[in-house]
Structure formats: structure tokens, C-alpha cells
Amino acid sequence: MRELIQGRQSGGVFLTTIHKFTEDTQLLSDRTNIICISDEAHRSQVNLDQKIKVNSEKGIVTKTFGFAKYLHDSLPNATFVGFTGTPIDATLDVFGKVVDAYTMTESVKDEITVRIVYEGRAAKVALNNSELEKIEKYYQEVAESGANEYQIEQSKEESAKMNAILGDPKRLKALAEDFVKH
């Protein structure tokens, strides 16, 4: 790709994956007439931040960036266009405001997508009382607190505990059996 793009002043359509842009990628072109179109623009296309990995056994600290950082460094003056069904704040930070949105309702109306039907149903799976009390206490605490960074971190820790409760092998087996029977 480097050989095809470097030195080219105009023309050309190139299809590649974001994974081609790794730490060793250098400037491919500083042209302003390059358009970079990205699908799934909410995942690997927005990871511009530095990541630090620590290998405590070897005492090595490695600093890396996501694929998107190297893509942007390789084509610094390109126009970036992103497509996604699930934009996140980082998508808007990298690609700018939403230009057009096509909703599921419009897609169903146009008969491109079949109507989505959801039938809510609670599986009949019992937890023992102490586990239920933990869940109730957690939700009571969340309802009583406002949202600040400390509380968000605490909530994440509590969520991990909840996952341990809800991911109990006996409970999962009962859920699977209920799913099969239903």
C-alpha cells in the first residue's frame, strides 16, 4: 500500500483494513484530496488514546496507540468519514457531527428490515435469599446516590460483584434449562 500511495498526486481507490495501520506505519501521504471511509466507526476507528501495558515480570512498560491513531498519522490531511449503527461520543470526536441517520423505524417502513418483535419474559430461576438481599441493597444504594467519578468507580466494583452473583454456575444452569424448556 505504501508503494501505491506514496508519491501519487491524485486518483486511486484503495480498500484495506484498519489493522494495516500499526506502530511501524509512517506517513503515507500528506495530500488533502484523500477521503478515508470507515465502517464500524465506533470501534477500532476511534482509539486515538495512548495505552500503557506493564509487564511486571520483566519490568517492561510499553506505550502503544490504537490503529486509528496510526491511520490518522499516516494520512494527516485526509477527510475521515465514518459509518456506524451505534455512534459513541468518541465517534463524534473523531468524525464530527452526524450528517445523516437512518432509523430502524424508517428501515421497517421501507421494507428493508422486518419488524423487530420483543416478547419480554422473566425466566423462572430462583436465587437464594442472601443473594437477593445483596442485589436489593445494591439497587437501593444506587438509587440513593448521585453520579460522580468516585461513585461511578464504586458502581463498577459493585457491578463486578453482581456479575459474580448472576454468573453463578447453578443459576446459569437453571437459566439454560428454562431457556430450553421455553
N, C-alpha and C. Protein backbone atom coordinates (compact mmCIF):
# COMPACT_ATOMS: atom_id res chain seq x y z
N MET A 1 0.82 -1.18 0.00
CA MET A 1 0.00 0.00 0.00
C MET A 1 0.87 1.26 0.00
N ARG A 2 1.94 1.20 0.77
CA ARG A 2 2.85 2.35 0.83
C ARG A 2 3.39 2.67 -0.57
N GLU A 3 3.80 1.66 -1.31
CA GLU A 3 4.34 1.87 -2.65
C GLU A 3 3.30 2.46 -3.58
N LEU A 4 2.04 2.06 -3.42
CA LEU A 4 0.97 2.55 -4.29
C LEU A 4 0.57 3.99 -3.97
N ILE A 5 0.65 4.37 -2.72
CA ILE A 5 0.16 5.70 -2.31
C ILE A 5 1.25 6.76 -2.32
N GLN A 6 2.43 6.43 -1.81
CA GLN A 6 3.48 7.45 -1.71
C GLN A 6 3.86 7.99 -3.09
N GLY A 7 3.91 9.29 -3.19
CA GLY A 7 4.27 9.94 -4.45
C GLY A 7 3.10 10.14 -5.39
N ARG A 8 1.98 9.52 -5.15
CA ARG A 8 0.80 9.68 -6.01
C ARG A 8 0.15 11.02 -5.71
N GLN A 9 -0.16 11.78 -6.75
CA GLN A 9 -0.77 13.10 -6.56
C GLN A 9 -2.28 13.09 -6.65
N SER A 10 -2.83 12.11 -7.37
CA SER A 10 -4.28 12.04 -7.49
C SER A 10 -4.67 10.64 -7.93
N GLY A 11 -5.96 10.37 -7.84
CA GLY A 11 -6.51 9.10 -8.33
C GLY A 11 -6.23 7.93 -7.42
N GLY A 12 -6.98 6.87 -7.65
CA GLY A 12 -6.78 5.64 -6.93
C GLY A 12 -7.85 5.39 -5.89
N VAL A 13 -8.26 4.15 -5.82
CA VAL A 13 -9.18 3.70 -4.78
C VAL A 13 -8.52 2.50 -4.12
N PHE A 14 -8.36 2.58 -2.81
CA PHE A 14 -7.67 1.53 -2.08
C PHE A 14 -8.56 1.02 -0.96
N LEU A 15 -8.74 -0.26 -0.88
CA LEU A 15 -9.51 -0.88 0.19
C LEU A 15 -8.56 -1.65 1.09
N THR A 16 -8.68 -1.43 2.38
CA THR A 16 -7.81 -2.13 3.32
C THR A 16 -8.51 -2.22 4.67
N THR A 17 -7.90 -2.90 5.58
CA THR A 17 -8.43 -2.98 6.94
C THR A 17 -7.64 -2.03 7.83
N ILE A 18 -8.24 -1.63 8.92
CA ILE A 18 -7.59 -0.74 9.89
C ILE A 18 -6.34 -1.39 10.47
N HIS A 19 -6.31 -2.71 10.45
CA HIS A 19 -5.19 -3.44 11.05
C HIS A 19 -3.88 -3.26 10.28
N LYS A 20 -3.96 -2.73 9.07
CA LYS A 20 -2.74 -2.43 8.31
C LYS A 20 -1.96 -1.28 8.95
N PHE A 21 -2.66 -0.50 9.78
CA PHE A 21 -2.05 0.68 10.39
C PHE A 21 -1.60 0.33 11.80
N THR A 22 -0.34 -0.06 11.90
CA THR A 22 0.23 -0.44 13.18
C THR A 22 1.38 0.49 13.52
N GLU A 23 2.07 0.20 14.60
CA GLU A 23 3.12 1.10 15.09
C GLU A 23 4.18 1.44 14.07
N ASP A 24 4.45 0.58 13.11
CA ASP A 24 5.53 0.83 12.16
C ASP A 24 5.09 1.68 10.97
N THR A 25 3.82 2.05 10.90
CA THR A 25 3.32 2.83 9.78
C THR A 25 3.87 4.25 9.83
N GLN A 26 4.38 4.70 8.70
CA GLN A 26 4.92 6.05 8.58
C GLN A 26 3.95 6.89 7.75
N LEU A 27 4.31 8.12 7.49
CA LEU A 27 3.50 9.00 6.66
C LEU A 27 3.31 8.34 5.29
N LEU A 28 2.06 8.15 4.91
CA LEU A 28 1.78 7.61 3.58
C LEU A 28 1.60 8.74 2.58
N SER A 29 0.86 9.77 3.02
CA SER A 29 0.64 10.92 2.14
C SER A 29 0.13 12.08 2.97
N ASP A 30 0.58 13.29 2.60
CA ASP A 30 0.06 14.48 3.27
C ASP A 30 -0.91 15.23 2.35
N ARG A 31 -1.38 14.55 1.30
CA ARG A 31 -2.35 15.15 0.39
C ARG A 31 -3.63 15.52 1.14
N THR A 32 -4.31 16.54 0.64
CA THR A 32 -5.59 16.95 1.22
C THR A 32 -6.77 16.38 0.44
N ASN A 33 -6.50 15.74 -0.69
CA ASN A 33 -7.57 15.20 -1.52
C ASN A 33 -7.74 13.69 -1.32
N ILE A 34 -7.58 13.25 -0.08
CA ILE A 34 -7.78 11.84 0.27
C ILE A 34 -9.00 11.76 1.16
N ILE A 35 -9.88 10.82 0.85
CA ILE A 35 -11.05 10.57 1.67
C ILE A 35 -10.91 9.16 2.24
N CYS A 36 -10.97 9.07 3.54
CA CYS A 36 -10.84 7.78 4.22
C CYS A 36 -12.22 7.43 4.79
N ILE A 37 -12.83 6.37 4.28
CA ILE A 37 -14.16 5.96 4.70
C ILE A 37 -14.03 4.74 5.61
N SER A 38 -14.62 4.83 6.78
CA SER A 38 -14.51 3.75 7.77
C SER A 38 -15.88 3.18 8.13
N ASP A 39 -15.97 1.87 8.11
CA ASP A 39 -17.18 1.19 8.58
C ASP A 39 -16.97 0.82 10.04
N GLU A 40 -18.05 0.64 10.76
CA GLU A 40 -17.98 0.34 12.20
C GLU A 40 -17.14 1.40 12.91
N ALA A 41 -17.47 2.66 12.66
CA ALA A 41 -16.66 3.77 13.13
C ALA A 41 -16.74 4.01 14.63
N HIS A 42 -17.28 3.09 15.37
CA HIS A 42 -17.35 3.25 16.82
C HIS A 42 -16.39 2.31 17.54
N ARG A 43 -15.63 1.55 16.84
CA ARG A 43 -14.75 0.57 17.48
C ARG A 43 -13.29 0.95 17.27
N SER A 44 -12.59 0.21 16.46
CA SER A 44 -11.15 0.44 16.28
C SER A 44 -10.86 1.73 15.52
N GLN A 45 -11.88 2.39 15.03
CA GLN A 45 -11.68 3.61 14.25
C GLN A 45 -11.51 4.86 15.13
N VAL A 46 -11.79 4.75 16.41
CA VAL A 46 -11.75 5.93 17.28
C VAL A 46 -10.72 5.83 18.40
N ASN A 47 -9.94 4.77 18.42
CA ASN A 47 -8.99 4.58 19.53
C ASN A 47 -7.70 5.36 19.28
N LEU A 48 -7.75 6.66 19.57
CA LEU A 48 -6.61 7.54 19.36
C LEU A 48 -5.73 7.67 20.60
N ASP A 49 -6.25 7.24 21.74
CA ASP A 49 -5.56 7.44 23.01
C ASP A 49 -4.41 6.46 23.22
N GLN A 50 -3.46 6.91 24.03
CA GLN A 50 -2.31 6.07 24.37
C GLN A 50 -2.72 5.01 25.39
N LYS A 51 -2.17 3.83 25.22
CA LYS A 51 -2.39 2.74 26.17
C LYS A 51 -1.04 2.35 26.75
N ILE A 52 -1.04 2.07 28.01
CA ILE A 52 0.21 1.66 28.66
C ILE A 52 0.03 0.23 29.17
N LYS A 53 0.95 -0.63 28.76
CA LYS A 53 0.94 -2.03 29.20
C LYS A 53 2.17 -2.24 30.07
N VAL A 54 1.94 -2.86 31.23
CA VAL A 54 3.04 -3.11 32.15
C VAL A 54 3.23 -4.61 32.29
N ASN A 55 4.43 -5.07 31.97
CA ASN A 55 4.78 -6.47 32.17
C ASN A 55 5.58 -6.51 33.47
N SER A 56 4.89 -6.83 34.58
CA SER A 56 5.54 -6.77 35.89
C SER A 56 6.62 -7.84 36.06
N GLU A 57 6.50 -8.93 35.34
CA GLU A 57 7.51 -9.99 35.45
C GLU A 57 8.84 -9.53 34.88
N LYS A 58 8.80 -8.82 33.75
CA LYS A 58 10.02 -8.37 33.08
C LYS A 58 10.36 -6.92 33.40
N GLY A 59 9.44 -6.23 34.08
CA GLY A 59 9.68 -4.83 34.40
C GLY A 59 9.68 -3.93 33.19
N ILE A 60 8.88 -4.26 32.19
CA ILE A 60 8.85 -3.50 30.94
C ILE A 60 7.52 -2.74 30.83
N VAL A 61 7.63 -1.47 30.50
CA VAL A 61 6.46 -0.64 30.26
C VAL A 61 6.41 -0.34 28.77
N THR A 62 5.29 -0.67 28.12
CA THR A 62 5.13 -0.45 26.68
C THR A 62 4.01 0.56 26.46
N LYS A 63 4.29 1.57 25.64
CA LYS A 63 3.29 2.57 25.29
C LYS A 63 2.86 2.33 23.85
N THR A 64 1.56 2.19 23.65
CA THR A 64 1.02 1.98 22.31
C THR A 64 -0.20 2.85 22.10
N PHE A 65 -0.60 2.95 20.87
CA PHE A 65 -1.83 3.65 20.50
C PHE A 65 -2.69 2.67 19.72
N GLY A 66 -3.94 3.02 19.51
CA GLY A 66 -4.83 2.19 18.72
C GLY A 66 -4.58 2.38 17.24
N PHE A 67 -5.15 1.51 16.44
CA PHE A 67 -4.99 1.55 14.98
C PHE A 67 -5.36 2.93 14.42
N ALA A 68 -6.41 3.53 14.96
CA ALA A 68 -6.90 4.80 14.42
C ALA A 68 -5.85 5.90 14.52
N LYS A 69 -5.07 5.91 15.58
CA LYS A 69 -4.01 6.93 15.74
C LYS A 69 -3.00 6.81 14.60
N TYR A 70 -2.60 5.60 14.28
CA TYR A 70 -1.63 5.38 13.22
C TYR A 70 -2.21 5.70 11.84
N LEU A 71 -3.50 5.42 11.67
CA LEU A 71 -4.17 5.78 10.42
C LEU A 71 -4.16 7.30 10.24
N HIS A 72 -4.51 8.02 11.30
CA HIS A 72 -4.54 9.49 11.23
C HIS A 72 -3.14 10.06 11.05
N ASP A 73 -2.14 9.46 11.68
CA ASP A 73 -0.76 9.91 11.49
C ASP A 73 -0.28 9.63 10.06
N SER A 74 -0.73 8.54 9.47
CA SER A 74 -0.31 8.16 8.12
C SER A 74 -0.93 9.05 7.05
N LEU A 75 -2.14 9.53 7.32
CA LEU A 75 -2.87 10.37 6.36
C LEU A 75 -3.37 11.62 7.09
N PRO A 76 -2.47 12.51 7.52
CA PRO A 76 -2.84 13.60 8.41
C PRO A 76 -3.81 14.63 7.84
N ASN A 77 -3.87 14.77 6.54
CA ASN A 77 -4.73 15.79 5.93
C ASN A 77 -5.96 15.19 5.25
N ALA A 78 -6.19 13.92 5.44
CA ALA A 78 -7.33 13.25 4.82
C ALA A 78 -8.63 13.70 5.48
N THR A 79 -9.72 13.52 4.75
CA THR A 79 -11.05 13.72 5.30
C THR A 79 -11.54 12.35 5.75
N PHE A 80 -11.97 12.26 7.00
CA PHE A 80 -12.40 10.97 7.55
C PHE A 80 -13.92 10.94 7.65
N VAL A 81 -14.52 9.90 7.05
CA VAL A 81 -15.97 9.69 7.07
C VAL A 81 -16.22 8.36 7.73
N GLY A 82 -17.13 8.34 8.70
CA GLY A 82 -17.39 7.09 9.41
C GLY A 82 -18.84 6.67 9.33
N PHE A 83 -19.07 5.37 9.17
CA PHE A 83 -20.40 4.79 9.19
C PHE A 83 -20.51 3.90 10.41
N THR A 84 -21.61 4.03 11.12
CA THR A 84 -21.85 3.17 12.27
C THR A 84 -23.33 3.16 12.62
N GLY A 85 -23.77 2.07 13.15
CA GLY A 85 -25.14 1.98 13.64
C GLY A 85 -25.23 2.37 15.10
N THR A 86 -24.09 2.45 15.76
CA THR A 86 -24.07 2.75 17.20
C THR A 86 -22.99 3.77 17.51
N PRO A 87 -23.21 5.04 17.16
CA PRO A 87 -22.19 6.05 17.43
C PRO A 87 -22.02 6.28 18.93
N ILE A 88 -20.79 6.54 19.32
CA ILE A 88 -20.49 6.88 20.70
C ILE A 88 -19.83 8.25 20.69
N ASP A 89 -19.62 8.83 21.87
CA ASP A 89 -19.01 10.17 21.92
C ASP A 89 -17.69 10.22 21.15
N ALA A 90 -16.88 9.17 21.28
CA ALA A 90 -15.59 9.15 20.60
C ALA A 90 -15.76 9.18 19.08
N THR A 91 -16.84 8.58 18.57
CA THR A 91 -17.11 8.61 17.13
C THR A 91 -17.29 10.05 16.68
N LEU A 92 -18.06 10.81 17.44
CA LEU A 92 -18.31 12.20 17.09
C LEU A 92 -17.04 13.04 17.24
N ASP A 93 -16.21 12.70 18.22
CA ASP A 93 -14.95 13.42 18.40
C ASP A 93 -14.03 13.25 17.20
N VAL A 94 -13.99 12.06 16.62
CA VAL A 94 -13.08 11.77 15.51
C VAL A 94 -13.69 12.17 14.16
N PHE A 95 -14.98 11.88 13.96
CA PHE A 95 -15.58 12.07 12.65
C PHE A 95 -16.46 13.32 12.54
N GLY A 96 -16.76 13.97 13.65
CA GLY A 96 -17.61 15.15 13.60
C GLY A 96 -19.07 14.79 13.80
N LYS A 97 -19.92 15.79 13.63
CA LYS A 97 -21.35 15.61 13.90
C LYS A 97 -21.98 14.62 12.91
N VAL A 98 -23.13 14.08 13.29
CA VAL A 98 -23.86 13.15 12.45
C VAL A 98 -24.44 13.92 11.27
N VAL A 99 -24.16 13.43 10.07
CA VAL A 99 -24.63 14.08 8.85
C VAL A 99 -26.00 13.55 8.48
N ASP A 100 -26.20 12.25 8.65
CA ASP A 100 -27.48 11.63 8.31
C ASP A 100 -27.68 10.41 9.19
N ALA A 101 -28.93 10.17 9.55
CA ALA A 101 -29.26 8.99 10.34
C ALA A 101 -30.44 8.28 9.67
N TYR A 102 -30.36 6.98 9.64
CA TYR A 102 -31.43 6.15 9.07
C TYR A 102 -31.86 5.21 10.17
N THR A 103 -33.06 5.42 10.69
CA THR A 103 -33.51 4.68 11.87
C THR A 103 -34.09 3.33 11.51
N MET A 104 -34.20 2.48 12.53
CA MET A 104 -34.82 1.17 12.33
C MET A 104 -36.28 1.34 11.90
N THR A 105 -36.96 2.33 12.44
CA THR A 105 -38.36 2.59 12.07
C THR A 105 -38.46 2.90 10.57
N GLU A 106 -37.54 3.73 10.06
CA GLU A 106 -37.52 4.05 8.63
C GLU A 106 -37.21 2.80 7.80
N SER A 107 -36.29 1.98 8.29
CA SER A 107 -35.90 0.76 7.58
C SER A 107 -37.06 -0.22 7.50
N VAL A 108 -37.82 -0.34 8.57
CA VAL A 108 -39.00 -1.22 8.57
C VAL A 108 -40.05 -0.66 7.62
N LYS A 109 -40.27 0.64 7.68
CA LYS A 109 -41.25 1.29 6.79
C LYS A 109 -40.88 1.09 5.32
N ASP A 110 -39.59 1.16 5.01
CA ASP A 110 -39.11 0.96 3.64
C ASP A 110 -39.07 -0.52 3.24
N GLU A 111 -39.42 -1.41 4.18
CA GLU A 111 -39.43 -2.86 3.99
C GLU A 111 -38.05 -3.42 3.69
N ILE A 112 -37.02 -2.76 4.23
CA ILE A 112 -35.66 -3.27 4.12
C ILE A 112 -35.37 -4.20 5.30
N THR A 113 -35.99 -3.90 6.43
CA THR A 113 -35.81 -4.68 7.65
C THR A 113 -37.18 -5.17 8.11
N VAL A 114 -37.24 -6.41 8.56
CA VAL A 114 -38.51 -6.89 9.11
C VAL A 114 -38.73 -6.27 10.48
N ARG A 115 -39.97 -6.15 10.86
CA ARG A 115 -40.32 -5.55 12.14
C ARG A 115 -39.69 -6.36 13.27
N ILE A 116 -39.11 -5.67 14.20
CA ILE A 116 -38.48 -6.33 15.34
C ILE A 116 -39.53 -6.53 16.43
N VAL A 117 -39.65 -7.75 16.87
CA VAL A 117 -40.62 -8.08 17.89
C VAL A 117 -39.88 -8.57 19.12
N TYR A 118 -40.23 -8.01 20.25
CA TYR A 118 -39.61 -8.43 21.51
C TYR A 118 -40.71 -8.87 22.45
N GLU A 119 -40.57 -10.06 22.96
CA GLU A 119 -41.52 -10.58 23.94
C GLU A 119 -40.79 -10.70 25.26
N GLY A 120 -41.05 -9.75 26.14
CA GLY A 120 -40.39 -9.78 27.44
C GLY A 120 -40.84 -10.99 28.25
N ARG A 121 -39.93 -11.59 28.95
CA ARG A 121 -40.26 -12.76 29.75
C ARG A 121 -39.20 -12.93 30.82
N ALA A 122 -39.63 -13.08 32.02
CA ALA A 122 -38.70 -13.33 33.12
C ALA A 122 -38.55 -14.83 33.30
N ALA A 123 -37.33 -15.30 33.25
CA ALA A 123 -37.08 -16.73 33.46
C ALA A 123 -37.37 -17.06 34.91
N LYS A 124 -37.94 -18.20 35.13
CA LYS A 124 -38.27 -18.63 36.48
C LYS A 124 -37.06 -19.32 37.10
N VAL A 125 -36.16 -18.50 37.59
CA VAL A 125 -34.94 -19.01 38.20
C VAL A 125 -34.83 -18.40 39.58
N ALA A 126 -34.66 -19.23 40.56
CA ALA A 126 -34.61 -18.74 41.94
C ALA A 126 -33.17 -18.52 42.39
N LEU A 127 -32.98 -17.42 43.12
CA LEU A 127 -31.71 -17.18 43.80
C LEU A 127 -31.97 -17.36 45.28
N ASN A 128 -30.96 -17.72 46.02
CA ASN A 128 -31.21 -17.85 47.45
C ASN A 128 -31.36 -16.45 48.06
N ASN A 129 -31.97 -16.38 49.24
CA ASN A 129 -32.32 -15.09 49.86
C ASN A 129 -31.12 -14.18 50.07
N SER A 130 -29.98 -14.69 50.46
CA SER A 130 -28.83 -13.82 50.71
C SER A 130 -28.37 -13.13 49.43
N GLU A 131 -28.44 -13.84 48.31
CA GLU A 131 -28.07 -13.23 47.02
C GLU A 131 -29.08 -12.16 46.63
N LEU A 132 -30.37 -12.44 46.85
CA LEU A 132 -31.40 -11.45 46.55
C LEU A 132 -31.23 -10.20 47.41
N GLU A 133 -30.87 -10.38 48.66
CA GLU A 133 -30.65 -9.24 49.56
C GLU A 133 -29.49 -8.39 49.07
N LYS A 134 -28.42 -9.03 48.59
CA LYS A 134 -27.28 -8.28 48.06
C LYS A 134 -27.71 -7.43 46.86
N ILE A 135 -28.50 -8.01 45.99
CA ILE A 135 -28.96 -7.29 44.80
C ILE A 135 -29.85 -6.12 45.21
N GLU A 136 -30.79 -6.36 46.11
CA GLU A 136 -31.68 -5.29 46.57
C GLU A 136 -30.89 -4.16 47.23
N LYS A 137 -29.92 -4.51 48.05
CA LYS A 137 -29.10 -3.49 48.73
C LYS A 137 -28.34 -2.66 47.70
N TYR A 138 -27.78 -3.32 46.71
CA TYR A 138 -27.04 -2.62 45.66
C TYR A 138 -27.93 -1.60 44.96
N TYR A 139 -29.12 -2.03 44.53
CA TYR A 139 -30.01 -1.12 43.82
C TYR A 139 -30.51 0.01 44.72
N GLN A 140 -30.69 -0.25 45.97
CA GLN A 140 -31.10 0.79 46.91
C GLN A 140 -30.00 1.85 47.03
N GLU A 141 -28.74 1.41 47.13
CA GLU A 141 -27.62 2.34 47.24
C GLU A 141 -27.47 3.17 45.97
N VAL A 142 -27.64 2.54 44.81
CA VAL A 142 -27.53 3.26 43.54
C VAL A 142 -28.63 4.31 43.42
N ALA A 143 -29.83 3.97 43.84
CA ALA A 143 -30.96 4.89 43.76
C ALA A 143 -30.76 6.11 44.66
N GLU A 144 -30.11 5.91 45.78
CA GLU A 144 -29.92 7.00 46.75
C GLU A 144 -28.75 7.92 46.42
N SER A 145 -27.83 7.48 45.58
CA SER A 145 -26.63 8.28 45.32
C SER A 145 -26.72 9.04 44.01
N GLY A 146 -26.00 10.18 43.96
CA GLY A 146 -25.86 10.95 42.71
C GLY A 146 -24.69 10.36 41.95
N ALA A 147 -24.40 10.90 40.79
CA ALA A 147 -23.33 10.34 39.97
C ALA A 147 -22.11 11.26 39.96
N ASN A 148 -21.03 10.82 40.57
CA ASN A 148 -19.74 11.48 40.43
C ASN A 148 -18.72 10.39 40.13
N GLU A 149 -17.48 10.78 39.83
CA GLU A 149 -16.47 9.80 39.40
C GLU A 149 -16.25 8.70 40.43
N TYR A 150 -16.16 9.08 41.69
CA TYR A 150 -15.94 8.08 42.74
C TYR A 150 -17.10 7.09 42.77
N GLN A 151 -18.32 7.59 42.72
CA GLN A 151 -19.49 6.71 42.76
C GLN A 151 -19.57 5.83 41.52
N ILE A 152 -19.15 6.37 40.40
CA ILE A 152 -19.14 5.55 39.18
C ILE A 152 -18.16 4.39 39.34
N GLU A 153 -16.97 4.67 39.88
CA GLU A 153 -16.00 3.60 40.12
C GLU A 153 -16.54 2.58 41.11
N GLN A 154 -17.18 3.07 42.17
CA GLN A 154 -17.79 2.17 43.15
C GLN A 154 -18.86 1.31 42.49
N SER A 155 -19.65 1.94 41.63
CA SER A 155 -20.70 1.21 40.93
C SER A 155 -20.12 0.11 40.06
N LYS A 156 -18.98 0.40 39.41
CA LYS A 156 -18.33 -0.62 38.58
C LYS A 156 -17.87 -1.79 39.44
N GLU A 157 -17.33 -1.49 40.61
CA GLU A 157 -16.89 -2.55 41.52
C GLU A 157 -18.08 -3.38 41.99
N GLU A 158 -19.17 -2.70 42.32
CA GLU A 158 -20.37 -3.41 42.75
C GLU A 158 -20.95 -4.24 41.61
N SER A 159 -20.87 -3.69 40.38
CA SER A 159 -21.36 -4.44 39.22
C SER A 159 -20.58 -5.72 39.02
N ALA A 160 -19.28 -5.66 39.28
CA ALA A 160 -18.45 -6.87 39.17
C ALA A 160 -18.93 -7.92 40.17
N LYS A 161 -19.27 -7.46 41.38
CA LYS A 161 -19.80 -8.38 42.39
C LYS A 161 -21.13 -8.96 41.92
N MET A 162 -21.97 -8.07 41.32
CA MET A 162 -23.27 -8.53 40.81
C MET A 162 -23.08 -9.58 39.73
N ASN A 163 -22.10 -9.36 38.87
CA ASN A 163 -21.83 -10.33 37.81
C ASN A 163 -21.43 -11.68 38.41
N ALA A 164 -20.69 -11.65 39.53
CA ALA A 164 -20.32 -12.89 40.19
C ALA A 164 -21.55 -13.61 40.72
N ILE A 165 -22.50 -12.83 41.25
CA ILE A 165 -23.74 -13.42 41.76
C ILE A 165 -24.57 -13.97 40.62
N LEU A 166 -24.79 -13.11 39.60
CA LEU A 166 -25.66 -13.50 38.49
C LEU A 166 -25.01 -14.56 37.60
N GLY A 167 -23.69 -14.64 37.63
CA GLY A 167 -22.98 -15.63 36.81
C GLY A 167 -22.72 -16.93 37.54
N ASP A 168 -23.36 -17.13 38.70
CA ASP A 168 -23.19 -18.36 39.47
C ASP A 168 -23.53 -19.56 38.58
N PRO A 169 -22.66 -20.56 38.52
CA PRO A 169 -22.89 -21.72 37.64
C PRO A 169 -24.24 -22.40 37.84
N LYS A 170 -24.70 -22.52 39.09
CA LYS A 170 -26.02 -23.15 39.34
C LYS A 170 -27.13 -22.31 38.72
N ARG A 171 -27.01 -20.99 38.88
CA ARG A 171 -28.02 -20.10 38.32
C ARG A 171 -28.01 -20.16 36.79
N LEU A 172 -26.82 -20.17 36.21
CA LEU A 172 -26.72 -20.24 34.75
C LEU A 172 -27.28 -21.54 34.21
N LYS A 173 -27.05 -22.63 34.93
CA LYS A 173 -27.59 -23.93 34.51
C LYS A 173 -29.12 -23.89 34.54
N ALA A 174 -29.67 -23.30 35.61
CA ALA A 174 -31.13 -23.18 35.72
C ALA A 174 -31.68 -22.30 34.60
N LEU A 175 -30.98 -21.22 34.27
CA LEU A 175 -31.40 -20.35 33.16
C LEU A 175 -31.40 -21.11 31.83
N ALA A 176 -30.35 -21.88 31.60
CA ALA A 176 -30.24 -22.65 30.35
C ALA A 176 -31.37 -23.66 30.26
N GLU A 177 -31.64 -24.34 31.36
CA GLU A 177 -32.75 -25.31 31.35
C GLU A 177 -34.08 -24.63 31.07
N ASP A 178 -34.30 -23.46 31.69
CA ASP A 178 -35.53 -22.71 31.46
C ASP A 178 -35.63 -22.29 30.00
N PHE A 179 -34.50 -21.85 29.43
CA PHE A 179 -34.46 -21.43 28.03
C PHE A 179 -34.84 -22.59 27.11
N VAL A 180 -34.27 -23.75 27.35
CA VAL A 180 -34.55 -24.93 26.52
C VAL A 180 -36.01 -25.33 26.63
N LYS A 181 -36.54 -25.34 27.85
CA LYS A 181 -37.95 -25.74 28.05
C LYS A 181 -38.91 -24.74 27.41
N HIS A 182 -38.59 -23.47 27.47
CA HIS A 182 -39.47 -22.43 26.94
C HIS A 182 -39.46 -22.49 25.41
